[in-house]
């Protein structure tokens, strides 16, 4: 799968935005955002190579680690934020996935970003702008891996609500929740 993803990135870099194919002629099987971004990097850098095909995943992994640092420092503590950041960067599983030319790291970035945008909403600080931003970021997550991004966000919110000993179904009465759900159902 690693080499096939790189082939699709190369195909986009060569101008096949809507019909990227691998070397055997197979069309891309996943939503195209990762391949579009990878192709843009390769095109801007003057061609595809192994390093350039991994830039998007590496940038997404770096952004995830920074999001964890900032959120943890704000809501838990600065020392804990740096500890979480260093743990992520130093962990083999995270670091090794960050260098793969696959959409998983980019989707993880969008899922985590959506959950972090929604966090104040869940704590009673509702904002229409935040709900729209969460919906937009979640849609980008869908463009990397499909509806699994929505499922992961929903499971995260559901689990958080249960851990806070609140009924997760209460969120269905919130108007901002429907701003997030509406684009998915259209």
C-alpha atoms as a PDB file:
ATOM      1  CA  UNK A   1       0.000   0.000   0.000  1.00  0.00           C
ATOM      2  CA  UNK A   2       2.906   2.337   0.692  1.00  0.00           C
ATOM      3  CA  UNK A   3       4.230   2.292  -2.851  1.00  0.00           C
ATOM      4  CA  UNK A   4       0.731   2.483  -4.331  1.00  0.00           C
ATOM      5  CA  UNK A   5      -0.012   5.650  -2.331  1.00  0.00           C
ATOM      6  CA  UNK A   6       3.217   7.174  -3.601  1.00  0.00           C
ATOM      7  CA  UNK A   7       2.222   6.249  -7.169  1.00  0.00           C
ATOM      8  CA  UNK A   8      -1.119   8.040  -6.752  1.00  0.00           C
ATOM      9  CA  UNK A   9       0.713  11.097  -5.378  1.00  0.00           C
ATOM     10  CA  UNK A  10       2.996  10.996  -8.426  1.00  0.00           C
ATOM     11  CA  UNK A  11      -0.026  10.736 -10.718  1.00  0.00           C
ATOM     12  CA  UNK A  12      -1.573  13.865  -9.159  1.00  0.00           C
ATOM     13  CA  UNK A  13       1.755  15.695  -9.451  1.00  0.00           C
ATOM     14  CA  UNK A  14       1.689  14.871 -13.172  1.00  0.00           C
ATOM     15  CA  UNK A  15      -1.690  16.601 -13.536  1.00  0.00           C
ATOM     16  CA  UNK A  16      -4.218  13.796 -13.024  1.00  0.00           C
ATOM     17  CA  UNK A  17      -6.161  15.553 -10.254  1.00  0.00           C
ATOM     18  CA  UNK A  18      -9.449  13.700 -10.575  1.00  0.00           C
ATOM     19  CA  UNK A  19      -8.249  10.373 -11.967  1.00  0.00           C
ATOM     20  CA  UNK A  20      -4.944   9.489 -10.275  1.00  0.00           C
ATOM     21  CA  UNK A  21      -3.780   6.006 -11.232  1.00  0.00           C
ATOM     22  CA  UNK A  22      -1.016   3.728 -10.024  1.00  0.00           C
ATOM     23  CA  UNK A  23       1.514   2.154 -12.380  1.00  0.00           C
ATOM     24  CA  UNK A  24      -0.928  -0.665 -13.193  1.00  0.00           C
ATOM     25  CA  UNK A  25      -3.708   1.719 -14.165  1.00  0.00           C
ATOM     26  CA  UNK A  26      -5.828   1.291 -11.017  1.00  0.00           C
ATOM     27  CA  UNK A  27      -7.746   4.399  -9.968  1.00  0.00           C
ATOM     28  CA  UNK A  28      -7.322   5.810  -6.490  1.00  0.00           C
ATOM     29  CA  UNK A  29      -9.526   3.864  -4.080  1.00  0.00           C
ATOM     30  CA  UNK A  30      -9.756   6.476  -1.330  1.00  0.00           C
ATOM     31  CA  UNK A  31     -10.956  10.055  -1.100  1.00  0.00           C
ATOM     32  CA  UNK A  32      -8.339  12.255  -2.781  1.00  0.00           C
ATOM     33  CA  UNK A  33      -7.308  14.989  -0.315  1.00  0.00           C
ATOM     34  CA  UNK A  34      -4.075  13.267   0.775  1.00  0.00           C
ATOM     35  CA  UNK A  35      -3.077  12.633  -2.827  1.00  0.00           C
ATOM     36  CA  UNK A  36      -3.913  16.202  -3.849  1.00  0.00           C
ATOM     37  CA  UNK A  37      -1.748  17.613  -1.061  1.00  0.00           C
ATOM     38  CA  UNK A  38       1.085  15.178  -1.756  1.00  0.00           C
ATOM     39  CA  UNK A  39       0.898  15.893  -5.467  1.00  0.00           C
ATOM     40  CA  UNK A  40       0.982  19.646  -4.813  1.00  0.00           C
ATOM     41  CA  UNK A  41       4.120  19.243  -2.691  1.00  0.00           C
ATOM     42  CA  UNK A  42       5.786  17.078  -5.339  1.00  0.00           C
ATOM     43  CA  UNK A  43       4.799  19.446  -8.148  1.00  0.00           C
ATOM     44  CA  UNK A  44       6.015  22.526  -6.219  1.00  0.00           C
ATOM     45  CA  UNK A  45       9.292  20.786  -5.364  1.00  0.00           C
ATOM     46  CA  UNK A  46       9.917  19.817  -8.970  1.00  0.00           C
ATOM     47  CA  UNK A  47       9.116  16.116  -8.946  1.00  0.00           C
ATOM     48  CA  UNK A  48       8.251  13.102  -6.856  1.00  0.00           C
ATOM     49  CA  UNK A  49      10.663  11.104  -4.752  1.00  0.00           C
ATOM     50  CA  UNK A  50      10.369   9.032  -1.605  1.00  0.00           C
ATOM     51  CA  UNK A  51      10.908  11.967   0.741  1.00  0.00           C
ATOM     52  CA  UNK A  52       8.444  14.284  -0.986  1.00  0.00           C
ATOM     53  CA  UNK A  53       5.729  11.623  -1.016  1.00  0.00           C
ATOM     54  CA  UNK A  54       5.940  11.516   2.786  1.00  0.00           C
ATOM     55  CA  UNK A  55       5.885  15.248   3.517  1.00  0.00           C
ATOM     56  CA  UNK A  56       2.109  15.464   4.050  1.00  0.00           C
ATOM     57  CA  UNK A  57       2.092  12.629   6.601  1.00  0.00           C
ATOM     58  CA  UNK A  58       5.097  14.060   8.414  1.00  0.00           C
ATOM     59  CA  UNK A  59       3.571  17.555   8.526  1.00  0.00           C
ATOM     60  CA  UNK A  60       0.277  16.117   9.839  1.00  0.00           C
ATOM     61  CA  UNK A  61       2.110  14.153  12.539  1.00  0.00           C
ATOM     62  CA  UNK A  62       4.001  17.262  13.603  1.00  0.00           C
ATOM     63  CA  UNK A  63       0.740  19.211  13.762  1.00  0.00           C
ATOM     64  CA  UNK A  64      -0.853  16.452  15.888  1.00  0.00           C
ATOM     65  CA  UNK A  65       2.035  16.550  18.369  1.00  0.00           C
ATOM     66  CA  UNK A  66       1.797  20.354  18.550  1.00  0.00           C
ATOM     67  CA  UNK A  67      -1.984  20.240  19.050  1.00  0.00           C
ATOM     68  CA  UNK A  68      -1.536  17.780  21.896  1.00  0.00           C
ATOM     69  CA  UNK A  69       1.135  20.027  23.431  1.00  0.00           C
ATOM     70  CA  UNK A  70      -1.001  23.175  23.259  1.00  0.00           C
ATOM     71  CA  UNK A  71      -4.246  21.554  24.432  1.00  0.00           C
ATOM     72  CA  UNK A  72      -2.611  19.661  27.300  1.00  0.00           C
ATOM     73  CA  UNK A  73      -0.639  22.725  28.423  1.00  0.00           C
ATOM     74  CA  UNK A  74      -3.817  24.809  28.457  1.00  0.00           C
ATOM     75  CA  UNK A  75      -6.163  22.359  30.173  1.00  0.00           C
ATOM     76  CA  UNK A  76      -3.822  20.193  32.265  1.00  0.00           C
ATOM     77  CA  UNK A  77      -0.496  21.969  32.701  1.00  0.00           C
ATOM     78  CA  UNK A  78       2.620  23.096  30.857  1.00  0.00           C
ATOM     79  CA  UNK A  79       4.850  20.289  32.154  1.00  0.00           C
ATOM     80  CA  UNK A  80       2.253  17.693  31.234  1.00  0.00           C
ATOM     81  CA  UNK A  81       1.868  19.264  27.788  1.00  0.00           C
ATOM     82  CA  UNK A  82       5.576  18.956  27.086  1.00  0.00           C
ATOM     83  CA  UNK A  83       5.570  15.409  28.463  1.00  0.00           C
ATOM     84  CA  UNK A  84       2.701  14.454  26.118  1.00  0.00           C
ATOM     85  CA  UNK A  85       4.489  16.118  23.188  1.00  0.00           C
ATOM     86  CA  UNK A  86       7.764  14.326  23.897  1.00  0.00           C
ATOM     87  CA  UNK A  87       5.959  11.023  24.423  1.00  0.00           C
ATOM     88  CA  UNK A  88       4.289  11.293  21.026  1.00  0.00           C
ATOM     89  CA  UNK A  89       7.424  12.352  19.193  1.00  0.00           C
ATOM     90  CA  UNK A  90       9.546   9.671  20.871  1.00  0.00           C
ATOM     91  CA  UNK A  91       7.096   6.787  20.601  1.00  0.00           C
ATOM     92  CA  UNK A  92       8.052   4.348  17.885  1.00  0.00           C
ATOM     93  CA  UNK A  93       4.498   3.666  16.698  1.00  0.00           C
ATOM     94  CA  UNK A  94       3.665   7.329  16.228  1.00  0.00           C
ATOM     95  CA  UNK A  95       6.996   8.261  14.679  1.00  0.00           C
ATOM     96  CA  UNK A  96       7.010   5.325  12.269  1.00  0.00           C
ATOM     97  CA  UNK A  97       3.452   6.057  11.073  1.00  0.00           C
ATOM     98  CA  UNK A  98       4.385   9.691  10.552  1.00  0.00           C
ATOM     99  CA  UNK A  99       6.795   8.727   7.799  1.00  0.00           C
ATOM    100  CA  UNK A 100       4.410   6.558   5.779  1.00  0.00           C
ATOM    101  CA  UNK A 101       2.815   7.915   2.632  1.00  0.00           C
ATOM    102  CA  UNK A 102      -0.656   6.927   3.753  1.00  0.00           C
ATOM    103  CA  UNK A 103      -3.731   8.938   4.625  1.00  0.00           C
ATOM    104  CA  UNK A 104      -3.984   7.722   8.231  1.00  0.00           C
ATOM    105  CA  UNK A 105      -1.887  10.513   9.773  1.00  0.00           C
ATOM    106  CA  UNK A 106      -3.719  13.230   7.848  1.00  0.00           C
ATOM    107  CA  UNK A 107      -7.089  11.803   8.833  1.00  0.00           C
ATOM    108  CA  UNK A 108      -5.931  11.554  12.454  1.00  0.00           C
ATOM    109  CA  UNK A 109      -4.954  15.215  12.330  1.00  0.00           C
ATOM    110  CA  UNK A 110      -8.397  16.238  11.092  1.00  0.00           C
ATOM    111  CA  UNK A 111     -10.210  14.003  13.610  1.00  0.00           C
ATOM    112  CA  UNK A 112      -8.154  15.332  16.522  1.00  0.00           C
ATOM    113  CA  UNK A 113      -8.583  18.902  15.298  1.00  0.00           C
ATOM    114  CA  UNK A 114     -12.358  18.441  15.108  1.00  0.00           C
ATOM    115  CA  UNK A 115     -12.496  17.024  18.636  1.00  0.00           C
ATOM    116  CA  UNK A 116     -10.343  19.865  19.991  1.00  0.00           C
ATOM    117  CA  UNK A 117     -12.522  22.451  18.254  1.00  0.00           C
ATOM    118  CA  UNK A 118     -15.604  20.788  19.773  1.00  0.00           C
ATOM    119  CA  UNK A 119     -14.188  20.573  23.295  1.00  0.00           C
ATOM    120  CA  UNK A 120     -15.410  24.030  24.419  1.00  0.00           C
ATOM    121  CA  UNK A 121     -18.805  23.248  22.881  1.00  0.00           C
ATOM    122  CA  UNK A 122     -19.072  20.145  25.037  1.00  0.00           C
ATOM    123  CA  UNK A 123     -18.179  22.180  28.100  1.00  0.00           C
ATOM    124  CA  UNK A 124     -21.064  24.599  27.583  1.00  0.00           C
ATOM    125  CA  UNK A 125     -19.300  27.388  25.684  1.00  0.00           C
ATOM    126  CA  UNK A 126     -21.346  27.012  22.512  1.00  0.00           C
ATOM    127  CA  UNK A 127     -20.400  29.023  19.453  1.00  0.00           C
ATOM    128  CA  UNK A 128     -21.874  28.913  15.971  1.00  0.00           C
ATOM    129  CA  UNK A 129     -18.508  29.786  14.438  1.00  0.00           C
ATOM    130  CA  UNK A 130     -16.821  26.950  16.298  1.00  0.00           C
ATOM    131  CA  UNK A 131     -19.507  24.507  15.174  1.00  0.00           C
ATOM    132  CA  UNK A 132     -19.070  25.571  11.543  1.00  0.00           C
ATOM    133  CA  UNK A 133     -15.285  25.257  11.871  1.00  0.00           C
ATOM    134  CA  UNK A 134     -15.677  21.768  13.363  1.00  0.00           C
ATOM    135  CA  UNK A 135     -17.964  20.749  10.496  1.00  0.00           C
ATOM    136  CA  UNK A 136     -15.479  22.051   7.912  1.00  0.00           C
ATOM    137  CA  UNK A 137     -12.518  20.277   9.498  1.00  0.00           C
ATOM    138  CA  UNK A 138     -14.499  17.047   9.831  1.00  0.00           C
ATOM    139  CA  UNK A 139     -15.385  17.279   6.119  1.00  0.00           C
ATOM    140  CA  UNK A 140     -11.668  17.515   5.335  1.00  0.00           C
ATOM    141  CA  UNK A 141     -11.178  14.377   7.412  1.00  0.00           C
ATOM    142  CA  UNK A 142     -13.832  12.679   5.288  1.00  0.00           C
ATOM    143  CA  UNK A 143     -11.910  13.686   2.177  1.00  0.00           C
ATOM    144  CA  UNK A 144      -8.911  11.698   3.412  1.00  0.00           C
ATOM    145  CA  UNK A 145     -10.455   8.410   4.478  1.00  0.00           C
ATOM    146  CA  UNK A 146     -14.212   8.631   4.071  1.00  0.00           C
ATOM    147  CA  UNK A 147     -16.955   8.359   6.702  1.00  0.00           C
ATOM    148  CA  UNK A 148     -14.634   6.710   9.233  1.00  0.00           C
ATOM    149  CA  UNK A 149     -13.596  10.253  10.223  1.00  0.00           C
ATOM    150  CA  UNK A 150     -17.177  11.038  11.276  1.00  0.00           C
ATOM    151  CA  UNK A 151     -17.437   7.788  13.186  1.00  0.00           C
ATOM    152  CA  UNK A 152     -14.208   8.490  15.081  1.00  0.00           C
ATOM    153  CA  UNK A 153     -15.314  12.012  16.004  1.00  0.00           C
ATOM    154  CA  UNK A 154     -18.723  10.731  17.132  1.00  0.00           C
ATOM    155  CA  UNK A 155     -17.143   7.956  19.204  1.00  0.00           C
ATOM    156  CA  UNK A 156     -14.748  10.447  20.787  1.00  0.00           C
ATOM    157  CA  UNK A 157     -17.554  12.815  21.746  1.00  0.00           C
ATOM    158  CA  UNK A 158     -19.742   9.942  22.952  1.00  0.00           C
ATOM    159  CA  UNK A 159     -16.945   8.508  25.101  1.00  0.00           C
ATOM    160  CA  UNK A 160     -16.047  11.925  26.532  1.00  0.00           C
ATOM    161  CA  UNK A 161     -19.649  12.569  27.503  1.00  0.00           C
ATOM    162  CA  UNK A 162     -19.879   9.168  29.201  1.00  0.00           C
ATOM    163  CA  UNK A 163     -16.622   9.794  31.086  1.00  0.00           C
ATOM    164  CA  UNK A 164     -18.048  13.109  32.275  1.00  0.00           C
ATOM    165  CA  UNK A 165     -21.147  11.180  33.452  1.00  0.00           C
ATOM    166  CA  UNK A 166     -23.422  13.059  31.090  1.00  0.00           C
ATOM    167  CA  UNK A 167     -25.970  11.655  28.698  1.00  0.00           C
ATOM    168  CA  UNK A 168     -24.410  11.902  25.200  1.00  0.00           C
ATOM    169  CA  UNK A 169     -27.874  12.097  23.651  1.00  0.00           C
ATOM    170  CA  UNK A 170     -28.348  15.499  25.309  1.00  0.00           C
ATOM    171  CA  UNK A 171     -26.196  16.931  22.528  1.00  0.00           C
ATOM    172  CA  UNK A 172     -28.938  16.189  20.000  1.00  0.00           C
ATOM    173  CA  UNK A 173     -30.949  19.008  21.611  1.00  0.00           C
ATOM    174  CA  UNK A 174     -28.143  21.488  20.944  1.00  0.00           C
ATOM    175  CA  UNK A 175     -28.544  23.618  17.814  1.00  0.00           C
ATOM    176  CA  UNK A 176     -24.801  23.694  17.148  1.00  0.00           C
ATOM    177  CA  UNK A 177     -24.731  19.902  16.906  1.00  0.00           C
ATOM    178  CA  UNK A 178     -27.047  20.053  13.911  1.00  0.00           C
ATOM    179  CA  UNK A 179     -24.690  22.515  12.195  1.00  0.00           C
ATOM    180  CA  UNK A 180     -22.081  19.758  12.354  1.00  0.00           C
ATOM    181  CA  UNK A 181     -24.377  16.901  11.379  1.00  0.00           C
ATOM    182  CA  UNK A 182     -26.178  18.695   8.513  1.00  0.00           C
ATOM    183  CA  UNK A 183     -23.278  18.765   5.997  1.00  0.00           C
ATOM    184  CA  UNK A 184     -22.779  15.025   6.503  1.00  0.00           C
ATOM    185  CA  UNK A 185     -26.380  14.187   5.658  1.00  0.00           C
ATOM    186  CA  UNK A 186     -26.587  16.368   2.559  1.00  0.00           C
END
